[in-house]
């Protein structure tokens, strides 16, 4: 997908539907491939978070890890690094670099992600 820029030079975002609200259980993470990106969608209560699905320490799926709902974090199952679902920042070693986060839109029963 080619990046489109607006009149101000900023990248325009594309809204892509991932699933229905009921398709993801509380505390569940699921991987989606969206426009060439690997995205982990996580549900905590009624909130949904989308984060890059590649651990920044090692190329391993974050969607395979445990969701820490109270901390709003996800743990990489490979080496135990955790990432803040709101910012993508690593919260524990061995990861030291953040992963991307994406805006999530819930419209009725549809859960979508905004991607460049």
PDB file of N, CA and C in Angstrom:
ATOM      1  N   UNK A   1       0.843  -1.166   0.000  1.00  0.00           N
ATOM      2  CA  UNK A   1       0.000   0.000   0.000  1.00  0.00           C
ATOM      3  C   UNK A   1       0.893   1.234   0.000  1.00  0.00           C
ATOM      4  N   UNK A   2       0.662   2.128  -0.910  1.00  0.00           N
ATOM      5  CA  UNK A   2       1.446   3.353  -0.992  1.00  0.00           C
ATOM      6  C   UNK A   2       0.990   4.322   0.086  1.00  0.00           C
ATOM      7  N   UNK A   3       1.960   5.072   0.637  1.00  0.00           N
ATOM      8  CA  UNK A   3       1.624   6.068   1.638  1.00  0.00           C
ATOM      9  C   UNK A   3       1.083   7.303   0.941  1.00  0.00           C
ATOM     10  N   UNK A   4      -0.030   7.787   1.422  1.00  0.00           N
ATOM     11  CA  UNK A   4      -0.659   8.974   0.862  1.00  0.00           C
ATOM     12  C   UNK A   4      -0.449  10.105   1.848  1.00  0.00           C
ATOM     13  N   UNK A   5      -0.086  11.275   1.344  1.00  0.00           N
ATOM     14  CA  UNK A   5       0.094  12.413   2.233  1.00  0.00           C
ATOM     15  C   UNK A   5      -0.971  13.450   1.962  1.00  0.00           C
ATOM     16  N   UNK A   6      -1.347  14.139   3.027  1.00  0.00           N
ATOM     17  CA  UNK A   6      -2.329  15.207   2.918  1.00  0.00           C
ATOM     18  C   UNK A   6      -1.651  16.499   2.508  1.00  0.00           C
ATOM     19  N   UNK A   7      -2.427  17.562   2.425  1.00  0.00           N
ATOM     20  CA  UNK A   7      -1.922  18.873   2.014  1.00  0.00           C
ATOM     21  C   UNK A   7      -0.849  19.388   2.958  1.00  0.00           C
ATOM     22  N   UNK A   8      -0.899  18.974   4.238  1.00  0.00           N
ATOM     23  CA  UNK A   8       0.092  19.443   5.205  1.00  0.00           C
ATOM     24  C   UNK A   8       1.344  18.563   5.235  1.00  0.00           C
ATOM     25  N   UNK A   9       1.401  17.548   4.369  1.00  0.00           N
ATOM     26  CA  UNK A   9       2.569  16.672   4.295  1.00  0.00           C
ATOM     27  C   UNK A   9       2.527  15.499   5.259  1.00  0.00           C
ATOM     28  N   UNK A  10       1.531  15.456   6.123  1.00  0.00           N
ATOM     29  CA  UNK A  10       1.408  14.352   7.079  1.00  0.00           C
ATOM     30  C   UNK A  10       0.817  13.133   6.373  1.00  0.00           C
ATOM     31  N   UNK A  11       1.236  11.967   6.820  1.00  0.00           N
ATOM     32  CA  UNK A  11       0.721  10.732   6.235  1.00  0.00           C
ATOM     33  C   UNK A  11      -0.758  10.577   6.577  1.00  0.00           C
ATOM     34  N   UNK A  12      -1.552  10.207   5.590  1.00  0.00           N
ATOM     35  CA  UNK A  12      -2.962   9.919   5.830  1.00  0.00           C
ATOM     36  C   UNK A  12      -3.083   8.483   6.326  1.00  0.00           C
ATOM     37  N   UNK A  13      -4.068   8.260   7.162  1.00  0.00           N
ATOM     38  CA  UNK A  13      -4.261   6.944   7.738  1.00  0.00           C
ATOM     39  C   UNK A  13      -5.436   6.243   7.055  1.00  0.00           C
ATOM     40  N   UNK A  14      -5.356   4.931   6.998  1.00  0.00           N
ATOM     41  CA  UNK A  14      -6.407   4.111   6.425  1.00  0.00           C
ATOM     42  C   UNK A  14      -7.041   3.286   7.530  1.00  0.00           C
ATOM     43  N   UNK A  15      -8.353   3.253   7.548  1.00  0.00           N
ATOM     44  CA  UNK A  15      -9.087   2.480   8.545  1.00  0.00           C
ATOM     45  C   UNK A  15      -9.346   1.087   7.987  1.00  0.00           C
ATOM     46  N   UNK A  16      -8.909   0.059   8.742  1.00  0.00           N
ATOM     47  CA  UNK A  16      -9.057  -1.332   8.301  1.00  0.00           C
ATOM     48  C   UNK A  16      -9.789  -2.126   9.388  1.00  0.00           C
ATOM     49  N   UNK A  17     -10.911  -2.744   9.021  1.00  0.00           N
ATOM     50  CA  UNK A  17     -11.669  -3.559   9.975  1.00  0.00           C
ATOM     51  C   UNK A  17     -10.898  -4.836  10.277  1.00  0.00           C
ATOM     52  N   UNK A  18     -10.787  -5.157  11.580  1.00  0.00           N
ATOM     53  CA  UNK A  18     -10.096  -6.372  11.995  1.00  0.00           C
ATOM     54  C   UNK A  18     -11.060  -7.487  12.386  1.00  0.00           C
ATOM     55  N   UNK A  19     -12.093  -7.128  13.157  1.00  0.00           N
ATOM     56  CA  UNK A  19     -12.999  -8.149  13.664  1.00  0.00           C
ATOM     57  C   UNK A  19     -14.225  -7.494  14.276  1.00  0.00           C
ATOM     58  N   UNK A  20     -15.122  -8.330  14.785  1.00  0.00           N
ATOM     59  CA  UNK A  20     -16.267  -7.848  15.553  1.00  0.00           C
ATOM     60  C   UNK A  20     -15.866  -7.775  17.020  1.00  0.00           C
ATOM     61  N   UNK A  21     -16.541  -6.934  17.775  1.00  0.00           N
ATOM     62  CA  UNK A  21     -16.239  -6.765  19.196  1.00  0.00           C
ATOM     63  C   UNK A  21     -16.231  -8.110  19.916  1.00  0.00           C
ATOM     64  N   UNK A  22     -17.229  -8.944  19.653  1.00  0.00           N
ATOM     65  CA  UNK A  22     -17.349 -10.231  20.330  1.00  0.00           C
ATOM     66  C   UNK A  22     -16.361 -11.294  19.891  1.00  0.00           C
ATOM     67  N   UNK A  23     -15.592 -11.025  18.843  1.00  0.00           N
ATOM     68  CA  UNK A  23     -14.619 -12.007  18.356  1.00  0.00           C
ATOM     69  C   UNK A  23     -13.387 -12.121  19.251  1.00  0.00           C
ATOM     70  N   UNK A  24     -13.151 -11.118  20.098  1.00  0.00           N
ATOM     71  CA  UNK A  24     -11.970 -11.109  20.962  1.00  0.00           C
ATOM     72  C   UNK A  24     -12.433 -11.124  22.412  1.00  0.00           C
ATOM     73  N   UNK A  25     -12.019 -12.135  23.151  1.00  0.00           N
ATOM     74  CA  UNK A  25     -12.424 -12.267  24.552  1.00  0.00           C
ATOM     75  C   UNK A  25     -11.603 -11.324  25.435  1.00  0.00           C
ATOM     76  N   UNK A  26     -12.113 -11.021  26.603  1.00  0.00           N
ATOM     77  CA  UNK A  26     -11.410 -10.220  27.599  1.00  0.00           C
ATOM     78  C   UNK A  26     -10.037 -10.836  27.887  1.00  0.00           C
ATOM     79  N   UNK A  27      -8.991 -10.023  27.812  1.00  0.00           N
ATOM     80  CA  UNK A  27      -7.635 -10.490  28.096  1.00  0.00           C
ATOM     81  C   UNK A  27      -6.978 -11.254  26.962  1.00  0.00           C
ATOM     82  N   UNK A  28      -7.607 -11.283  25.799  1.00  0.00           N
ATOM     83  CA  UNK A  28      -7.072 -12.017  24.654  1.00  0.00           C
ATOM     84  C   UNK A  28      -6.299 -11.088  23.721  1.00  0.00           C
ATOM     85  N   UNK A  29      -5.275 -11.640  23.095  1.00  0.00           N
ATOM     86  CA  UNK A  29      -4.524 -10.957  22.043  1.00  0.00           C
ATOM     87  C   UNK A  29      -4.597 -11.821  20.794  1.00  0.00           C
ATOM     88  N   UNK A  30      -4.715 -11.164  19.644  1.00  0.00           N
ATOM     89  CA  UNK A  30      -4.775 -11.894  18.378  1.00  0.00           C
ATOM     90  C   UNK A  30      -3.987 -11.137  17.317  1.00  0.00           C
ATOM     91  N   UNK A  31      -3.262 -11.868  16.503  1.00  0.00           N
ATOM     92  CA  UNK A  31      -2.463 -11.277  15.432  1.00  0.00           C
ATOM     93  C   UNK A  31      -3.298 -11.102  14.175  1.00  0.00           C
ATOM     94  N   UNK A  32      -3.086  -9.950  13.530  1.00  0.00           N
ATOM     95  CA  UNK A  32      -3.693  -9.657  12.238  1.00  0.00           C
ATOM     96  C   UNK A  32      -2.609  -9.135  11.309  1.00  0.00           C
ATOM     97  N   UNK A  33      -2.677  -9.506  10.050  1.00  0.00           N
ATOM     98  CA  UNK A  33      -1.781  -8.953   9.031  1.00  0.00           C
ATOM     99  C   UNK A  33      -2.569  -7.885   8.288  1.00  0.00           C
ATOM    100  N   UNK A  34      -2.101  -6.639   8.387  1.00  0.00           N
ATOM    101  CA  UNK A  34      -2.829  -5.490   7.858  1.00  0.00           C
ATOM    102  C   UNK A  34      -1.894  -4.640   7.011  1.00  0.00           C
ATOM    103  N   UNK A  35      -2.172  -4.546   5.722  1.00  0.00           N
ATOM    104  CA  UNK A  35      -1.414  -3.660   4.827  1.00  0.00           C
ATOM    105  C   UNK A  35       0.095  -3.843   4.975  1.00  0.00           C
ATOM    106  N   UNK A  36       0.530  -5.085   5.055  1.00  0.00           N
ATOM    107  CA  UNK A  36       1.957  -5.369   5.181  1.00  0.00           C
ATOM    108  C   UNK A  36       2.502  -5.232   6.589  1.00  0.00           C
ATOM    109  N   UNK A  37       1.643  -4.966   7.572  1.00  0.00           N
ATOM    110  CA  UNK A  37       2.051  -4.832   8.966  1.00  0.00           C
ATOM    111  C   UNK A  37       1.501  -5.997   9.776  1.00  0.00           C
ATOM    112  N   UNK A  38       2.287  -6.438  10.778  1.00  0.00           N
ATOM    113  CA  UNK A  38       1.783  -7.413  11.748  1.00  0.00           C
ATOM    114  C   UNK A  38       1.291  -6.632  12.950  1.00  0.00           C
ATOM    115  N   UNK A  39       0.008  -6.787  13.272  1.00  0.00           N
ATOM    116  CA  UNK A  39      -0.615  -6.040  14.360  1.00  0.00           C
ATOM    117  C   UNK A  39      -1.190  -7.020  15.375  1.00  0.00           C
ATOM    118  N   UNK A  40      -0.919  -6.776  16.660  1.00  0.00           N
ATOM    119  CA  UNK A  40      -1.541  -7.546  17.739  1.00  0.00           C
ATOM    120  C   UNK A  40      -2.673  -6.702  18.297  1.00  0.00           C
ATOM    121  N   UNK A  41      -3.889  -7.229  18.241  1.00  0.00           N
ATOM    122  CA  UNK A  41      -5.047  -6.559  18.817  1.00  0.00           C
ATOM    123  C   UNK A  41      -5.318  -7.195  20.169  1.00  0.00           C
ATOM    124  N   UNK A  42      -5.452  -6.356  21.197  1.00  0.00           N
ATOM    125  CA  UNK A  42      -5.621  -6.831  22.567  1.00  0.00           C
ATOM    126  C   UNK A  42      -6.890  -6.218  23.152  1.00  0.00           C
ATOM    127  N   UNK A  43      -7.665  -7.035  23.860  1.00  0.00           N
ATOM    128  CA  UNK A  43      -8.861  -6.533  24.531  1.00  0.00           C
ATOM    129  C   UNK A  43      -8.668  -6.589  26.033  1.00  0.00           C
ATOM    130  N   UNK A  44      -8.877  -5.429  26.668  1.00  0.00           N
ATOM    131  CA  UNK A  44      -8.884  -5.333  28.127  1.00  0.00           C
ATOM    132  C   UNK A  44     -10.200  -4.656  28.500  1.00  0.00           C
ATOM    133  N   UNK A  45     -11.112  -5.420  29.075  1.00  0.00           N
ATOM    134  CA  UNK A  45     -12.445  -4.890  29.362  1.00  0.00           C
ATOM    135  C   UNK A  45     -13.134  -4.519  28.069  1.00  0.00           C
ATOM    136  N   UNK A  46     -13.616  -3.283  27.994  1.00  0.00           N
ATOM    137  CA  UNK A  46     -14.257  -2.794  26.779  1.00  0.00           C
ATOM    138  C   UNK A  46     -13.292  -2.022  25.894  1.00  0.00           C
ATOM    139  N   UNK A  47     -12.019  -1.973  26.281  1.00  0.00           N
ATOM    140  CA  UNK A  47     -11.021  -1.238  25.501  1.00  0.00           C
ATOM    141  C   UNK A  47     -10.215  -2.188  24.622  1.00  0.00           C
ATOM    142  N   UNK A  48      -9.864  -1.697  23.437  1.00  0.00           N
ATOM    143  CA  UNK A  48      -9.039  -2.449  22.497  1.00  0.00           C
ATOM    144  C   UNK A  48      -7.761  -1.663  22.247  1.00  0.00           C
ATOM    145  N   UNK A  49      -6.653  -2.375  22.162  1.00  0.00           N
ATOM    146  CA  UNK A  49      -5.352  -1.766  21.901  1.00  0.00           C
ATOM    147  C   UNK A  49      -4.717  -2.497  20.725  1.00  0.00           C
ATOM    148  N   UNK A  50      -4.064  -1.753  19.859  1.00  0.00           N
ATOM    149  CA  UNK A  50      -3.351  -2.349  18.719  1.00  0.00           C
ATOM    150  C   UNK A  50      -1.891  -1.951  18.820  1.00  0.00           C
ATOM    151  N   UNK A  51      -1.026  -2.929  18.708  1.00  0.00           N
ATOM    152  CA  UNK A  51       0.406  -2.738  18.882  1.00  0.00           C
ATOM    153  C   UNK A  51       1.131  -3.558  17.818  1.00  0.00           C
ATOM    154  N   UNK A  52       2.307  -3.110  17.410  1.00  0.00           N
ATOM    155  CA  UNK A  52       3.098  -3.898  16.469  1.00  0.00           C
ATOM    156  C   UNK A  52       3.336  -5.281  17.036  1.00  0.00           C
ATOM    157  N   UNK A  53       3.185  -6.301  16.224  1.00  0.00           N
ATOM    158  CA  UNK A  53       3.230  -7.687  16.718  1.00  0.00           C
ATOM    159  C   UNK A  53       4.622  -8.296  16.712  1.00  0.00           C
ATOM    160  N   UNK A  54       5.651  -7.511  16.522  1.00  0.00           N
ATOM    161  CA  UNK A  54       7.015  -8.037  16.558  1.00  0.00           C
ATOM    162  C   UNK A  54       7.736  -7.477  17.771  1.00  0.00           C
ATOM    163  N   UNK A  55       8.179  -8.344  18.664  1.00  0.00           N
ATOM    164  CA  UNK A  55       8.974  -7.903  19.811  1.00  0.00           C
ATOM    165  C   UNK A  55      10.215  -7.186  19.284  1.00  0.00           C
ATOM    166  N   UNK A  56      10.534  -6.056  19.880  1.00  0.00           N
ATOM    167  CA  UNK A  56      11.693  -5.286  19.407  1.00  0.00           C
ATOM    168  C   UNK A  56      13.020  -5.914  19.812  1.00  0.00           C
ATOM    169  N   UNK A  57      12.988  -6.867  20.716  1.00  0.00           N
ATOM    170  CA  UNK A  57      14.211  -7.573  21.118  1.00  0.00           C
ATOM    171  C   UNK A  57      14.529  -8.694  20.143  1.00  0.00           C
ATOM    172  N   UNK A  58      13.503  -9.419  19.757  1.00  0.00           N
ATOM    173  CA  UNK A  58      13.667 -10.530  18.822  1.00  0.00           C
ATOM    174  C   UNK A  58      12.366 -10.661  18.046  1.00  0.00           C
ATOM    175  N   UNK A  59      12.451 -11.028  16.799  1.00  0.00           N
ATOM    176  CA  UNK A  59      11.276 -11.110  15.931  1.00  0.00           C
ATOM    177  C   UNK A  59      10.371 -12.255  16.384  1.00  0.00           C
ATOM    178  N   UNK A  60       9.554 -11.976  17.406  1.00  0.00           N
ATOM    179  CA  UNK A  60       8.650 -12.985  17.949  1.00  0.00           C
ATOM    180  C   UNK A  60       7.283 -12.340  18.146  1.00  0.00           C
ATOM    181  N   UNK A  61       6.224 -13.065  17.890  1.00  0.00           N
ATOM    182  CA  UNK A  61       4.868 -12.525  17.960  1.00  0.00           C
ATOM    183  C   UNK A  61       4.472 -12.172  19.388  1.00  0.00           C
ATOM    184  N   UNK A  62       4.090 -10.909  19.602  1.00  0.00           N
ATOM    185  CA  UNK A  62       3.597 -10.490  20.911  1.00  0.00           C
ATOM    186  C   UNK A  62       2.213 -11.051  21.187  1.00  0.00           C
ATOM    187  N   UNK A  63       1.435 -11.320  20.144  1.00  0.00           N
ATOM    188  CA  UNK A  63       0.094 -11.866  20.331  1.00  0.00           C
ATOM    189  C   UNK A  63       0.137 -13.249  20.985  1.00  0.00           C
ATOM    190  N   UNK A  64       1.277 -13.910  20.940  1.00  0.00           N
ATOM    191  CA  UNK A  64       1.428 -15.215  21.591  1.00  0.00           C
ATOM    192  C   UNK A  64       1.695 -15.089  23.077  1.00  0.00           C
ATOM    193  N   UNK A  65       1.925 -13.864  23.553  1.00  0.00           N
ATOM    194  CA  UNK A  65       2.277 -13.648  24.954  1.00  0.00           C
ATOM    195  C   UNK A  65       1.067 -13.425  25.841  1.00  0.00           C
ATOM    196  N   UNK A  66       1.356 -13.281  27.122  1.00  0.00           N
ATOM    197  CA  UNK A  66       0.317 -13.066  28.128  1.00  0.00           C
ATOM    198  C   UNK A  66      -0.048 -11.585  28.219  1.00  0.00           C
ATOM    199  N   UNK A  67      -1.333 -11.312  28.348  1.00  0.00           N
ATOM    200  CA  UNK A  67      -1.816  -9.947  28.544  1.00  0.00           C
ATOM    201  C   UNK A  67      -1.882  -9.683  30.043  1.00  0.00           C
ATOM    202  N   UNK A  68      -1.264  -8.583  30.460  1.00  0.00           N
ATOM    203  CA  UNK A  68      -1.303  -8.155  31.859  1.00  0.00           C
ATOM    204  C   UNK A  68      -2.299  -6.999  31.936  1.00  0.00           C
ATOM    205  N   UNK A  69      -3.561  -7.320  32.192  1.00  0.00           N
ATOM    206  CA  UNK A  69      -4.636  -6.333  32.123  1.00  0.00           C
ATOM    207  C   UNK A  69      -4.446  -5.190  33.126  1.00  0.00           C
ATOM    208  N   UNK A  70      -4.100  -5.483  34.356  1.00  0.00           N
ATOM    209  CA  UNK A  70      -3.969  -4.445  35.385  1.00  0.00           C
ATOM    210  C   UNK A  70      -2.893  -3.427  35.019  1.00  0.00           C
ATOM    211  N   UNK A  71      -1.834  -3.888  34.348  1.00  0.00           N
ATOM    212  CA  UNK A  71      -0.726  -3.010  33.960  1.00  0.00           C
ATOM    213  C   UNK A  71      -0.902  -2.431  32.565  1.00  0.00           C
ATOM    214  N   UNK A  72      -1.873  -2.928  31.815  1.00  0.00           N
ATOM    215  CA  UNK A  72      -2.099  -2.571  30.410  1.00  0.00           C
ATOM    216  C   UNK A  72      -0.828  -2.863  29.600  1.00  0.00           C
ATOM    217  N   UNK A  73      -0.323  -4.089  29.763  1.00  0.00           N
ATOM    218  CA  UNK A  73       0.899  -4.527  29.101  1.00  0.00           C
ATOM    219  C   UNK A  73       0.690  -5.899  28.469  1.00  0.00           C
ATOM    220  N   UNK A  74       1.590  -6.215  27.546  1.00  0.00           N
ATOM    221  CA  UNK A  74       1.636  -7.549  26.963  1.00  0.00           C
ATOM    222  C   UNK A  74       3.063  -8.051  27.104  1.00  0.00           C
ATOM    223  N   UNK A  75       3.185  -9.344  27.410  1.00  0.00           N
ATOM    224  CA  UNK A  75       4.489  -9.954  27.633  1.00  0.00           C
ATOM    225  C   UNK A  75       4.883 -10.795  26.426  1.00  0.00           C
ATOM    226  N   UNK A  76       6.110 -10.631  25.969  1.00  0.00           N
ATOM    227  CA  UNK A  76       6.640 -11.482  24.907  1.00  0.00           C
ATOM    228  C   UNK A  76       6.896 -12.863  25.489  1.00  0.00           C
ATOM    229  N   UNK A  77       6.333 -13.872  24.863  1.00  0.00           N
ATOM    230  CA  UNK A  77       6.466 -15.241  25.363  1.00  0.00           C
ATOM    231  C   UNK A  77       7.885 -15.784  25.200  1.00  0.00           C
ATOM    232  N   UNK A  78       8.680 -15.182  24.336  1.00  0.00           N
ATOM    233  CA  UNK A  78      10.023 -15.704  24.061  1.00  0.00           C
ATOM    234  C   UNK A  78      11.010 -15.425  25.198  1.00  0.00           C
ATOM    235  N   UNK A  79      11.129 -14.148  25.621  1.00  0.00           N
ATOM    236  CA  UNK A  79      12.123 -13.798  26.642  1.00  0.00           C
ATOM    237  C   UNK A  79      11.561 -12.981  27.800  1.00  0.00           C
ATOM    238  N   UNK A  80      10.257 -12.720  27.824  1.00  0.00           N
ATOM    239  CA  UNK A  80       9.632 -12.084  28.967  1.00  0.00           C
ATOM    240  C   UNK A  80       9.576 -10.569  28.984  1.00  0.00           C
ATOM    241  N   UNK A  81      10.024  -9.906  27.924  1.00  0.00           N
ATOM    242  CA  UNK A  81       9.889  -8.445  27.886  1.00  0.00           C
ATOM    243  C   UNK A  81       8.412  -8.084  27.875  1.00  0.00           C
ATOM    244  N   UNK A  82       8.065  -6.993  28.551  1.00  0.00           N
ATOM    245  CA  UNK A  82       6.695  -6.511  28.505  1.00  0.00           C
ATOM    246  C   UNK A  82       6.666  -5.145  27.832  1.00  0.00           C
ATOM    247  N   UNK A  83       5.524  -4.839  27.200  1.00  0.00           N
ATOM    248  CA  UNK A  83       5.351  -3.590  26.465  1.00  0.00           C
ATOM    249  C   UNK A  83       4.048  -2.933  26.895  1.00  0.00           C
ATOM    250  N   UNK A  84       4.098  -1.621  27.070  1.00  0.00           N
ATOM    251  CA  UNK A  84       2.916  -0.836  27.400  1.00  0.00           C
ATOM    252  C   UNK A  84       2.016  -0.786  26.167  1.00  0.00           C
ATOM    253  N   UNK A  85       0.774  -1.220  26.311  1.00  0.00           N
ATOM    254  CA  UNK A  85      -0.145  -1.264  25.177  1.00  0.00           C
ATOM    255  C   UNK A  85      -0.577   0.118  24.714  1.00  0.00           C
ATOM    256  N   UNK A  86      -0.427   1.141  25.562  1.00  0.00           N
ATOM    257  CA  UNK A  86      -0.827   2.504  25.198  1.00  0.00           C
ATOM    258  C   UNK A  86       0.264   3.243  24.435  1.00  0.00           C
ATOM    259  N   UNK A  87       1.531   2.941  24.757  1.00  0.00           N
ATOM    260  CA  UNK A  87       2.642   3.702  24.176  1.00  0.00           C
ATOM    261  C   UNK A  87       3.595   2.861  23.344  1.00  0.00           C
ATOM    262  N   UNK A  88       3.599   1.560  23.539  1.00  0.00           N
ATOM    263  CA  UNK A  88       4.549   0.679  22.864  1.00  0.00           C
ATOM    264  C   UNK A  88       5.905   0.615  23.546  1.00  0.00           C
ATOM    265  N   UNK A  89       6.090   1.377  24.621  1.00  0.00           N
ATOM    266  CA  UNK A  89       7.375   1.417  25.320  1.00  0.00           C
ATOM    267  C   UNK A  89       7.649   0.091  26.022  1.00  0.00           C
ATOM    268  N   UNK A  90       8.912  -0.346  25.996  1.00  0.00           N
ATOM    269  CA  UNK A  90       9.253  -1.553  26.743  1.00  0.00           C
ATOM    270  C   UNK A  90       9.215  -1.246  28.237  1.00  0.00           C
ATOM    271  N   UNK A  91       8.685  -2.168  29.009  1.00  0.00           N
ATOM    272  CA  UNK A  91       8.576  -1.988  30.460  1.00  0.00           C
ATOM    273  C   UNK A  91       9.554  -2.878  31.216  1.00  0.00           C
ATOM    274  N   UNK A  92      10.187  -3.811  30.497  1.00  0.00           N
ATOM    275  CA  UNK A  92      11.159  -4.694  31.131  1.00  0.00           C
ATOM    276  C   UNK A  92      12.157  -5.188  30.085  1.00  0.00           C
ATOM    277  N   UNK A  93      13.313  -5.589  30.571  1.00  0.00           N
ATOM    278  CA  UNK A  93      14.364  -6.125  29.705  1.00  0.00           C
ATOM    279  C   UNK A  93      14.009  -7.551  29.300  1.00  0.00           C
ATOM    280  N   UNK A  94      14.557  -8.066  28.232  1.00  0.00           N
ATOM    281  CA  UNK A  94      15.700  -7.544  27.489  1.00  0.00           C
ATOM    282  C   UNK A  94      15.362  -6.508  26.414  1.00  0.00           C
ATOM    283  N   UNK A  95      14.095  -6.262  26.118  1.00  0.00           N
ATOM    284  CA  UNK A  95      13.755  -5.267  25.090  1.00  0.00           C
ATOM    285  C   UNK A  95      14.100  -3.862  25.585  1.00  0.00           C
ATOM    286  N   UNK A  96      14.650  -3.049  24.689  1.00  0.00           N
ATOM    287  CA  UNK A  96      14.986  -1.663  25.034  1.00  0.00           C
ATOM    288  C   UNK A  96      14.385  -0.664  24.053  1.00  0.00           C
ATOM    289  N   UNK A  97      13.818  -1.156  22.964  1.00  0.00           N
ATOM    290  CA  UNK A  97      13.225  -0.280  21.951  1.00  0.00           C
ATOM    291  C   UNK A  97      11.711  -0.453  21.942  1.00  0.00           C
ATOM    292  N   UNK A  98      10.975   0.633  21.687  1.00  0.00           N
ATOM    293  CA  UNK A  98       9.512   0.528  21.640  1.00  0.00           C
ATOM    294  C   UNK A  98       9.040  -0.174  20.367  1.00  0.00           C
ATOM    295  N   UNK A  99       7.797  -0.585  20.394  1.00  0.00           N
ATOM    296  CA  UNK A  99       7.122  -1.123  19.217  1.00  0.00           C
ATOM    297  C   UNK A  99       6.023  -0.134  18.843  1.00  0.00           C
ATOM    298  N   UNK A 100       5.596  -0.124  17.587  1.00  0.00           N
ATOM    299  CA  UNK A 100       4.560   0.847  17.190  1.00  0.00           C
ATOM    300  C   UNK A 100       3.208   0.535  17.819  1.00  0.00           C
ATOM    301  N   UNK A 101       2.430   1.577  18.023  1.00  0.00           N
ATOM    302  CA  UNK A 101       1.033   1.428  18.452  1.00  0.00           C
ATOM    303  C   UNK A 101       0.160   2.065  17.378  1.00  0.00           C
ATOM    304  N   UNK A 102      -1.055   1.591  17.285  1.00  0.00           N
ATOM    305  CA  UNK A 102      -1.990   2.068  16.273  1.00  0.00           C
ATOM    306  C   UNK A 102      -3.307   2.436  16.948  1.00  0.00           C
ATOM    307  N   UNK A 103      -3.946   3.466  16.428  1.00  0.00           N
ATOM    308  CA  UNK A 103      -5.249   3.868  16.944  1.00  0.00           C
ATOM    309  C   UNK A 103      -6.290   2.821  16.577  1.00  0.00           C
ATOM    310  N   UNK A 104      -7.181   2.558  17.516  1.00  0.00           N
ATOM    311  CA  UNK A 104      -8.268   1.606  17.315  1.00  0.00           C
ATOM    312  C   UNK A 104      -9.582   2.372  17.317  1.00  0.00           C
ATOM    313  N   UNK A 105     -10.467   2.011  16.397  1.00  0.00           N
ATOM    314  CA  UNK A 105     -11.795   2.613  16.307  1.00  0.00           C
ATOM    315  C   UNK A 105     -12.820   1.497  16.487  1.00  0.00           C
ATOM    316  N   UNK A 106     -13.719   1.680  17.479  1.00  0.00           N
ATOM    317  CA  UNK A 106     -14.832   0.753  17.662  1.00  0.00           C
ATOM    318  C   UNK A 106     -16.079   1.492  17.209  1.00  0.00           C
ATOM    319  N   UNK A 107     -16.702   0.953  16.161  1.00  0.00           N
ATOM    320  CA  UNK A 107     -17.889   1.572  15.578  1.00  0.00           C
ATOM    321  C   UNK A 107     -18.988   0.520  15.544  1.00  0.00           C
ATOM    322  N   UNK A 108     -19.916   0.611  16.496  1.00  0.00           N
ATOM    323  CA  UNK A 108     -20.942  -0.421  16.605  1.00  0.00           C
ATOM    324  C   UNK A 108     -20.284  -1.718  17.015  1.00  0.00           C
ATOM    325  N   UNK A 109     -20.382  -2.735  16.164  1.00  0.00           N
ATOM    326  CA  UNK A 109     -19.797  -4.043  16.446  1.00  0.00           C
ATOM    327  C   UNK A 109     -18.447  -4.235  15.759  1.00  0.00           C
ATOM    328  N   UNK A 110     -17.997  -3.242  14.987  1.00  0.00           N
ATOM    329  CA  UNK A 110     -16.764  -3.384  14.233  1.00  0.00           C
ATOM    330  C   UNK A 110     -15.561  -2.804  14.991  1.00  0.00           C
ATOM    331  N   UNK A 111     -14.471  -3.551  15.006  1.00  0.00           N
ATOM    332  CA  UNK A 111     -13.207  -3.075  15.568  1.00  0.00           C
ATOM    333  C   UNK A 111     -12.245  -2.884  14.409  1.00  0.00           C
ATOM    334  N   UNK A 112     -11.764  -1.649  14.254  1.00  0.00           N
ATOM    335  CA  UNK A 112     -10.868  -1.312  13.151  1.00  0.00           C
ATOM    336  C   UNK A 112      -9.597  -0.697  13.701  1.00  0.00           C
ATOM    337  N   UNK A 113      -8.558  -0.725  12.880  1.00  0.00           N
ATOM    338  CA  UNK A 113      -7.279  -0.117  13.224  1.00  0.00           C
ATOM    339  C   UNK A 113      -6.939   0.912  12.160  1.00  0.00           C
ATOM    340  N   UNK A 114      -6.281   1.979  12.583  1.00  0.00           N
ATOM    341  CA  UNK A 114      -5.835   3.020  11.667  1.00  0.00           C
ATOM    342  C   UNK A 114      -4.359   2.767  11.348  1.00  0.00           C
ATOM    343  N   UNK A 115      -4.049   2.563  10.076  1.00  0.00           N
ATOM    344  CA  UNK A 115      -2.673   2.282   9.651  1.00  0.00           C
ATOM    345  C   UNK A 115      -2.250   3.271   8.577  1.00  0.00           C
ATOM    346  N   UNK A 116      -0.922   3.528   8.516  1.00  0.00           N
ATOM    347  CA  UNK A 116      -0.434   4.456   7.476  1.00  0.00           C
ATOM    348  C   UNK A 116      -0.553   3.855   6.086  1.00  0.00           C
TER     349      UNK A 116
END
